[in-house]
């Protein structure tokens, strides 16, 4: 997964929606959570604090950061076979 955003989401005059944020965040796995977080951050930067899209983005960013904590070996190892 790339951190590059779909060009239609960034088109001039197109407003990012709550649906866009949920579409990005919903299927995230721990492995890609931080990349998705970065994409959402770019989409919501510049939106007013009280904007519902920004609030949803911030909620999803927090969820993705928590999800990313589980991207390693669940047993606490290094993930490298000995």
PDB file of N, CA and C in Angstrom:
ATOM      1  N   UNK A   1       0.850  -1.170   0.000  1.00  0.00           N
ATOM      2  CA  UNK A   1       0.000   0.000   0.000  1.00  0.00           C
ATOM      3  C   UNK A   1       0.890   1.225   0.000  1.00  0.00           C
ATOM      4  N   UNK A   2       0.538   2.154  -0.796  1.00  0.00           N
ATOM      5  CA  UNK A   2       1.275   3.391  -0.911  1.00  0.00           C
ATOM      6  C   UNK A   2       0.629   4.471  -0.056  1.00  0.00           C
ATOM      7  N   UNK A   3       1.411   5.480   0.265  1.00  0.00           N
ATOM      8  CA  UNK A   3       0.850   6.631   0.961  1.00  0.00           C
ATOM      9  C   UNK A   3       0.294   7.637  -0.039  1.00  0.00           C
ATOM     10  N   UNK A   4       0.416   7.356  -1.316  1.00  0.00           N
ATOM     11  CA  UNK A   4      -0.137   8.249  -2.336  1.00  0.00           C
ATOM     12  C   UNK A   4      -1.657   8.180  -2.292  1.00  0.00           C
ATOM     13  N   UNK A   5      -2.276   9.324  -2.447  1.00  0.00           N
ATOM     14  CA  UNK A   5      -3.737   9.390  -2.379  1.00  0.00           C
ATOM     15  C   UNK A   5      -4.322   9.300  -3.776  1.00  0.00           C
ATOM     16  N   UNK A   6      -5.522   8.774  -3.849  1.00  0.00           N
ATOM     17  CA  UNK A   6      -6.247   8.753  -5.123  1.00  0.00           C
ATOM     18  C   UNK A   6      -6.431  10.192  -5.588  1.00  0.00           C
ATOM     19  N   UNK A   7      -6.163  10.421  -6.852  1.00  0.00           N
ATOM     20  CA  UNK A   7      -6.234  11.783  -7.371  1.00  0.00           C
ATOM     21  C   UNK A   7      -7.641  12.357  -7.309  1.00  0.00           C
ATOM     22  N   UNK A   8      -8.662  11.515  -7.415  1.00  0.00           N
ATOM     23  CA  UNK A   8     -10.026  12.054  -7.355  1.00  0.00           C
ATOM     24  C   UNK A   8     -10.362  12.598  -5.969  1.00  0.00           C
ATOM     25  N   UNK A   9      -9.735  12.078  -4.920  1.00  0.00           N
ATOM     26  CA  UNK A   9      -9.979  12.605  -3.578  1.00  0.00           C
ATOM     27  C   UNK A   9      -9.330  13.967  -3.382  1.00  0.00           C
ATOM     28  N   UNK A  10      -8.318  14.264  -4.188  1.00  0.00           N
ATOM     29  CA  UNK A  10      -7.589  15.516  -4.049  1.00  0.00           C
ATOM     30  C   UNK A  10      -7.941  16.526  -5.131  1.00  0.00           C
ATOM     31  N   UNK A  11      -8.924  16.223  -5.952  1.00  0.00           N
ATOM     32  CA  UNK A  11      -9.295  17.115  -7.054  1.00  0.00           C
ATOM     33  C   UNK A  11      -9.722  18.481  -6.513  1.00  0.00           C
ATOM     34  N   UNK A  12      -9.313  19.544  -7.195  1.00  0.00           N
ATOM     35  CA  UNK A  12      -9.719  20.886  -6.765  1.00  0.00           C
ATOM     36  C   UNK A  12     -11.241  21.000  -6.707  1.00  0.00           C
ATOM     37  N   UNK A  13     -11.717  21.591  -5.639  1.00  0.00           N
ATOM     38  CA  UNK A  13     -13.152  21.795  -5.480  1.00  0.00           C
ATOM     39  C   UNK A  13     -13.895  20.611  -4.902  1.00  0.00           C
ATOM     40  N   UNK A  14     -13.250  19.442  -4.837  1.00  0.00           N
ATOM     41  CA  UNK A  14     -13.921  18.274  -4.255  1.00  0.00           C
ATOM     42  C   UNK A  14     -13.675  18.273  -2.759  1.00  0.00           C
ATOM     43  N   UNK A  15     -14.730  18.131  -2.019  1.00  0.00           N
ATOM     44  CA  UNK A  15     -14.644  18.104  -0.562  1.00  0.00           C
ATOM     45  C   UNK A  15     -14.497  16.666  -0.081  1.00  0.00           C
ATOM     46  N   UNK A  16     -13.550  16.441   0.828  1.00  0.00           N
ATOM     47  CA  UNK A  16     -13.376  15.128   1.445  1.00  0.00           C
ATOM     48  C   UNK A  16     -14.594  14.864   2.313  1.00  0.00           C
ATOM     49  N   UNK A  17     -15.056  13.614   2.309  1.00  0.00           N
ATOM     50  CA  UNK A  17     -16.249  13.256   3.060  1.00  0.00           C
ATOM     51  C   UNK A  17     -15.912  12.294   4.202  1.00  0.00           C
ATOM     52  N   UNK A  18     -16.854  12.165   5.133  1.00  0.00           N
ATOM     53  CA  UNK A  18     -16.722  11.163   6.193  1.00  0.00           C
ATOM     54  C   UNK A  18     -16.597   9.783   5.552  1.00  0.00           C
ATOM     55  N   UNK A  19     -17.328   9.551   4.468  1.00  0.00           N
ATOM     56  CA  UNK A  19     -17.251   8.275   3.760  1.00  0.00           C
ATOM     57  C   UNK A  19     -15.855   7.998   3.225  1.00  0.00           C
ATOM     58  N   UNK A  20     -15.164   9.033   2.733  1.00  0.00           N
ATOM     59  CA  UNK A  20     -13.782   8.869   2.259  1.00  0.00           C
ATOM     60  C   UNK A  20     -12.885   8.401   3.402  1.00  0.00           C
ATOM     61  N   UNK A  21     -13.044   9.044   4.549  1.00  0.00           N
ATOM     62  CA  UNK A  21     -12.221   8.694   5.713  1.00  0.00           C
ATOM     63  C   UNK A  21     -12.502   7.254   6.140  1.00  0.00           C
ATOM     64  N   UNK A  22     -13.756   6.899   6.214  1.00  0.00           N
ATOM     65  CA  UNK A  22     -14.113   5.536   6.632  1.00  0.00           C
ATOM     66  C   UNK A  22     -13.671   4.500   5.614  1.00  0.00           C
ATOM     67  N   UNK A  23     -13.728   4.848   4.342  1.00  0.00           N
ATOM     68  CA  UNK A  23     -13.281   3.910   3.300  1.00  0.00           C
ATOM     69  C   UNK A  23     -11.790   3.635   3.427  1.00  0.00           C
ATOM     70  N   UNK A  24     -11.020   4.640   3.781  1.00  0.00           N
ATOM     71  CA  UNK A  24      -9.581   4.452   3.973  1.00  0.00           C
ATOM     72  C   UNK A  24      -9.276   3.654   5.229  1.00  0.00           C
ATOM     73  N   UNK A  25      -9.911   4.017   6.321  1.00  0.00           N
ATOM     74  CA  UNK A  25      -9.559   3.449   7.621  1.00  0.00           C
ATOM     75  C   UNK A  25     -10.165   2.070   7.864  1.00  0.00           C
ATOM     76  N   UNK A  26     -11.330   1.831   7.335  1.00  0.00           N
ATOM     77  CA  UNK A  26     -12.065   0.606   7.644  1.00  0.00           C
ATOM     78  C   UNK A  26     -11.303  -0.688   7.440  1.00  0.00           C
ATOM     79  N   UNK A  27     -10.729  -0.909   6.260  1.00  0.00           N
ATOM     80  CA  UNK A  27     -10.084  -2.202   6.014  1.00  0.00           C
ATOM     81  C   UNK A  27      -8.624  -2.274   6.449  1.00  0.00           C
ATOM     82  N   UNK A  28      -8.157  -1.337   7.240  1.00  0.00           N
ATOM     83  CA  UNK A  28      -6.742  -1.285   7.614  1.00  0.00           C
ATOM     84  C   UNK A  28      -6.319  -2.485   8.429  1.00  0.00           C
ATOM     85  N   UNK A  29      -5.104  -2.892   8.175  1.00  0.00           N
ATOM     86  CA  UNK A  29      -4.471  -3.947   8.961  1.00  0.00           C
ATOM     87  C   UNK A  29      -3.368  -3.298   9.793  1.00  0.00           C
ATOM     88  N   UNK A  30      -2.903  -3.959  10.841  1.00  0.00           N
ATOM     89  CA  UNK A  30      -1.834  -3.369  11.652  1.00  0.00           C
ATOM     90  C   UNK A  30      -0.609  -2.977  10.823  1.00  0.00           C
ATOM     91  N   UNK A  31      -0.287  -3.803   9.842  1.00  0.00           N
ATOM     92  CA  UNK A  31       0.911  -3.567   9.036  1.00  0.00           C
ATOM     93  C   UNK A  31       0.853  -2.242   8.277  1.00  0.00           C
ATOM     94  N   UNK A  32      -0.327  -1.848   7.809  1.00  0.00           N
ATOM     95  CA  UNK A  32      -0.467  -0.634   7.006  1.00  0.00           C
ATOM     96  C   UNK A  32      -1.118   0.523   7.752  1.00  0.00           C
ATOM     97  N   UNK A  33      -1.389   0.364   9.026  1.00  0.00           N
ATOM     98  CA  UNK A  33      -2.146   1.369   9.778  1.00  0.00           C
ATOM     99  C   UNK A  33      -1.498   2.754   9.752  1.00  0.00           C
ATOM    100  N   UNK A  34      -0.182   2.833   9.877  1.00  0.00           N
ATOM    101  CA  UNK A  34       0.457   4.141   9.910  1.00  0.00           C
ATOM    102  C   UNK A  34       0.478   4.818   8.544  1.00  0.00           C
ATOM    103  N   UNK A  35       0.548   4.029   7.482  1.00  0.00           N
ATOM    104  CA  UNK A  35       0.459   4.617   6.147  1.00  0.00           C
ATOM    105  C   UNK A  35      -0.932   5.201   5.917  1.00  0.00           C
ATOM    106  N   UNK A  36      -1.943   4.476   6.332  1.00  0.00           N
ATOM    107  CA  UNK A  36      -3.317   4.970   6.187  1.00  0.00           C
ATOM    108  C   UNK A  36      -3.509   6.205   7.054  1.00  0.00           C
ATOM    109  N   UNK A  37      -2.959   6.187   8.265  1.00  0.00           N
ATOM    110  CA  UNK A  37      -3.033   7.358   9.148  1.00  0.00           C
ATOM    111  C   UNK A  37      -2.467   8.594   8.456  1.00  0.00           C
ATOM    112  N   UNK A  38      -1.322   8.436   7.806  1.00  0.00           N
ATOM    113  CA  UNK A  38      -0.700   9.564   7.118  1.00  0.00           C
ATOM    114  C   UNK A  38      -1.577  10.087   5.977  1.00  0.00           C
ATOM    115  N   UNK A  39      -2.221   9.180   5.273  1.00  0.00           N
ATOM    116  CA  UNK A  39      -3.115   9.598   4.194  1.00  0.00           C
ATOM    117  C   UNK A  39      -4.292  10.401   4.746  1.00  0.00           C
ATOM    118  N   UNK A  40      -4.849   9.938   5.852  1.00  0.00           N
ATOM    119  CA  UNK A  40      -5.973  10.650   6.467  1.00  0.00           C
ATOM    120  C   UNK A  40      -5.520  12.014   6.977  1.00  0.00           C
ATOM    121  N   UNK A  41      -4.345  12.069   7.581  1.00  0.00           N
ATOM    122  CA  UNK A  41      -3.835  13.355   8.067  1.00  0.00           C
ATOM    123  C   UNK A  41      -3.749  14.371   6.939  1.00  0.00           C
ATOM    124  N   UNK A  42      -3.268  13.942   5.778  1.00  0.00           N
ATOM    125  CA  UNK A  42      -3.179  14.862   4.641  1.00  0.00           C
ATOM    126  C   UNK A  42      -4.549  15.313   4.173  1.00  0.00           C
ATOM    127  N   UNK A  43      -5.524  14.412   4.227  1.00  0.00           N
ATOM    128  CA  UNK A  43      -6.872  14.767   3.771  1.00  0.00           C
ATOM    129  C   UNK A  43      -7.567  15.764   4.692  1.00  0.00           C
ATOM    130  N   UNK A  44      -7.293  15.687   5.982  1.00  0.00           N
ATOM    131  CA  UNK A  44      -8.029  16.552   6.912  1.00  0.00           C
ATOM    132  C   UNK A  44      -7.274  17.817   7.293  1.00  0.00           C
ATOM    133  N   UNK A  45      -5.989  17.910   6.934  1.00  0.00           N
ATOM    134  CA  UNK A  45      -5.259  19.121   7.310  1.00  0.00           C
ATOM    135  C   UNK A  45      -5.922  20.327   6.663  1.00  0.00           C
ATOM    136  N   UNK A  46      -6.035  21.360   7.404  1.00  0.00           N
ATOM    137  CA  UNK A  46      -6.664  22.569   6.895  1.00  0.00           C
ATOM    138  C   UNK A  46      -8.165  22.646   7.131  1.00  0.00           C
ATOM    139  N   UNK A  47      -8.780  21.538   7.531  1.00  0.00           N
ATOM    140  CA  UNK A  47     -10.210  21.587   7.843  1.00  0.00           C
ATOM    141  C   UNK A  47     -10.396  22.227   9.217  1.00  0.00           C
ATOM    142  N   UNK A  48     -11.482  22.949   9.419  1.00  0.00           N
ATOM    143  CA  UNK A  48     -11.737  23.556  10.731  1.00  0.00           C
ATOM    144  C   UNK A  48     -11.878  22.493  11.826  1.00  0.00           C
ATOM    145  N   UNK A  49     -11.550  22.878  13.044  1.00  0.00           N
ATOM    146  CA  UNK A  49     -11.610  21.958  14.187  1.00  0.00           C
ATOM    147  C   UNK A  49     -12.986  21.327  14.375  1.00  0.00           C
ATOM    148  N   UNK A  50     -14.044  22.057  14.071  1.00  0.00           N
ATOM    149  CA  UNK A  50     -15.394  21.544  14.307  1.00  0.00           C
ATOM    150  C   UNK A  50     -15.993  20.837  13.089  1.00  0.00           C
ATOM    151  N   UNK A  51     -15.200  20.644  12.047  1.00  0.00           N
ATOM    152  CA  UNK A  51     -15.690  19.970  10.842  1.00  0.00           C
ATOM    153  C   UNK A  51     -15.907  18.482  11.144  1.00  0.00           C
ATOM    154  N   UNK A  52     -17.065  17.934  10.788  1.00  0.00           N
ATOM    155  CA  UNK A  52     -17.330  16.510  11.062  1.00  0.00           C
ATOM    156  C   UNK A  52     -16.335  15.571  10.373  1.00  0.00           C
ATOM    157  N   UNK A  53     -15.844  15.956   9.201  1.00  0.00           N
ATOM    158  CA  UNK A  53     -14.855  15.122   8.501  1.00  0.00           C
ATOM    159  C   UNK A  53     -13.553  15.110   9.295  1.00  0.00           C
ATOM    160  N   UNK A  54     -13.154  16.265   9.795  1.00  0.00           N
ATOM    161  CA  UNK A  54     -11.931  16.326  10.605  1.00  0.00           C
ATOM    162  C   UNK A  54     -12.090  15.497  11.875  1.00  0.00           C
ATOM    163  N   UNK A  55     -13.225  15.617  12.546  1.00  0.00           N
ATOM    164  CA  UNK A  55     -13.450  14.846  13.777  1.00  0.00           C
ATOM    165  C   UNK A  55     -13.399  13.340  13.497  1.00  0.00           C
ATOM    166  N   UNK A  56     -14.026  12.911  12.398  1.00  0.00           N
ATOM    167  CA  UNK A  56     -13.974  11.487  12.033  1.00  0.00           C
ATOM    168  C   UNK A  56     -12.536  11.076  11.719  1.00  0.00           C
ATOM    169  N   UNK A  57     -11.821  11.938  11.011  1.00  0.00           N
ATOM    170  CA  UNK A  57     -10.425  11.647  10.697  1.00  0.00           C
ATOM    171  C   UNK A  57      -9.582  11.501  11.948  1.00  0.00           C
ATOM    172  N   UNK A  58      -9.759  12.388  12.909  1.00  0.00           N
ATOM    173  CA  UNK A  58      -9.006  12.312  14.160  1.00  0.00           C
ATOM    174  C   UNK A  58      -9.357  11.057  14.950  1.00  0.00           C
ATOM    175  N   UNK A  59     -10.623  10.674  14.927  1.00  0.00           N
ATOM    176  CA  UNK A  59     -11.046   9.439  15.589  1.00  0.00           C
ATOM    177  C   UNK A  59     -10.369   8.234  14.944  1.00  0.00           C
ATOM    178  N   UNK A  60     -10.377   8.212  13.615  1.00  0.00           N
ATOM    179  CA  UNK A  60      -9.772   7.088  12.898  1.00  0.00           C
ATOM    180  C   UNK A  60      -8.252   7.074  13.063  1.00  0.00           C
ATOM    181  N   UNK A  61      -7.625   8.251  13.111  1.00  0.00           N
ATOM    182  CA  UNK A  61      -6.176   8.320  13.329  1.00  0.00           C
ATOM    183  C   UNK A  61      -5.818   7.690  14.674  1.00  0.00           C
ATOM    184  N   UNK A  62      -6.570   8.010  15.702  1.00  0.00           N
ATOM    185  CA  UNK A  62      -6.320   7.415  17.023  1.00  0.00           C
ATOM    186  C   UNK A  62      -6.485   5.904  16.969  1.00  0.00           C
ATOM    187  N   UNK A  63      -7.527   5.438  16.278  1.00  0.00           N
ATOM    188  CA  UNK A  63      -7.755   3.996  16.159  1.00  0.00           C
ATOM    189  C   UNK A  63      -6.609   3.328  15.403  1.00  0.00           C
ATOM    190  N   UNK A  64      -6.146   3.961  14.336  1.00  0.00           N
ATOM    191  CA  UNK A  64      -5.060   3.394  13.531  1.00  0.00           C
ATOM    192  C   UNK A  64      -3.747   3.351  14.305  1.00  0.00           C
ATOM    193  N   UNK A  65      -3.492   4.375  15.105  1.00  0.00           N
ATOM    194  CA  UNK A  65      -2.272   4.366  15.922  1.00  0.00           C
ATOM    195  C   UNK A  65      -2.312   3.234  16.934  1.00  0.00           C
ATOM    196  N   UNK A  66      -3.473   2.980  17.503  1.00  0.00           N
ATOM    197  CA  UNK A  66      -3.621   1.848  18.421  1.00  0.00           C
ATOM    198  C   UNK A  66      -3.441   0.529  17.665  1.00  0.00           C
ATOM    199  N   UNK A  67      -4.037   0.419  16.506  1.00  0.00           N
ATOM    200  CA  UNK A  67      -3.924  -0.790  15.696  1.00  0.00           C
ATOM    201  C   UNK A  67      -2.473  -1.065  15.319  1.00  0.00           C
ATOM    202  N   UNK A  68      -1.712  -0.018  15.015  1.00  0.00           N
ATOM    203  CA  UNK A  68      -0.313  -0.172  14.606  1.00  0.00           C
ATOM    204  C   UNK A  68       0.546  -0.764  15.720  1.00  0.00           C
ATOM    205  N   UNK A  69       0.118  -0.608  16.939  1.00  0.00           N
ATOM    206  CA  UNK A  69       0.879  -1.176  18.060  1.00  0.00           C
ATOM    207  C   UNK A  69       0.937  -2.698  17.981  1.00  0.00           C
ATOM    208  N   UNK A  70       0.068  -3.299  17.199  1.00  0.00           N
ATOM    209  CA  UNK A  70      -0.014  -4.756  17.115  1.00  0.00           C
ATOM    210  C   UNK A  70       0.523  -5.289  15.796  1.00  0.00           C
ATOM    211  N   UNK A  71       1.431  -4.556  15.164  1.00  0.00           N
ATOM    212  CA  UNK A  71       1.924  -4.986  13.864  1.00  0.00           C
ATOM    213  C   UNK A  71       3.089  -5.963  13.956  1.00  0.00           C
ATOM    214  N   UNK A  72       3.625  -6.157  15.138  1.00  0.00           N
ATOM    215  CA  UNK A  72       4.749  -7.071  15.300  1.00  0.00           C
ATOM    216  C   UNK A  72       4.306  -8.450  15.722  1.00  0.00           C
ATOM    217  N   UNK A  73       5.247  -9.210  16.171  1.00  0.00           N
ATOM    218  CA  UNK A  73       4.992 -10.558  16.656  1.00  0.00           C
ATOM    219  C   UNK A  73       4.139 -10.464  17.926  1.00  0.00           C
ATOM    220  N   UNK A  74       2.947 -11.072  17.917  1.00  0.00           N
ATOM    221  CA  UNK A  74       2.068 -10.955  19.082  1.00  0.00           C
ATOM    222  C   UNK A  74       2.645 -11.578  20.348  1.00  0.00           C
ATOM    223  N   UNK A  75       3.681 -12.403  20.212  1.00  0.00           N
ATOM    224  CA  UNK A  75       4.292 -13.025  21.376  1.00  0.00           C
ATOM    225  C   UNK A  75       5.390 -12.143  21.978  1.00  0.00           C
ATOM    226  N   UNK A  76       5.641 -10.999  21.324  1.00  0.00           N
ATOM    227  CA  UNK A  76       6.649 -10.076  21.842  1.00  0.00           C
ATOM    228  C   UNK A  76       8.049 -10.334  21.311  1.00  0.00           C
ATOM    229  N   UNK A  77       8.181 -11.272  20.389  1.00  0.00           N
ATOM    230  CA  UNK A  77       9.496 -11.557  19.816  1.00  0.00           C
ATOM    231  C   UNK A  77       9.857 -10.580  18.736  1.00  0.00           C
ATOM    232  N   UNK A  78      10.966 -10.863  18.054  1.00  0.00           N
ATOM    233  CA  UNK A  78      11.436  -9.976  17.002  1.00  0.00           C
ATOM    234  C   UNK A  78      10.837 -10.316  15.647  1.00  0.00           C
ATOM    235  N   UNK A  79      10.190 -11.457  15.547  1.00  0.00           N
ATOM    236  CA  UNK A  79       9.641 -11.880  14.261  1.00  0.00           C
ATOM    237  C   UNK A  79      10.662 -12.601  13.407  1.00  0.00           C
ATOM    238  N   UNK A  80      11.879 -12.773  13.941  1.00  0.00           N
ATOM    239  CA  UNK A  80      12.957 -13.438  13.206  1.00  0.00           C
ATOM    240  C   UNK A  80      13.107 -14.844  13.780  1.00  0.00           C
ATOM    241  N   UNK A  81      13.090 -15.843  12.885  1.00  0.00           N
ATOM    242  CA  UNK A  81      13.249 -17.231  13.334  1.00  0.00           C
ATOM    243  C   UNK A  81      14.697 -17.460  13.756  1.00  0.00           C
ATOM    244  N   UNK A  82      14.874 -18.212  14.813  1.00  0.00           N
ATOM    245  CA  UNK A  82      16.230 -18.530  15.292  1.00  0.00           C
ATOM    246  C   UNK A  82      16.638 -19.901  14.898  1.00  0.00           C
TER     247      UNK A  82
END
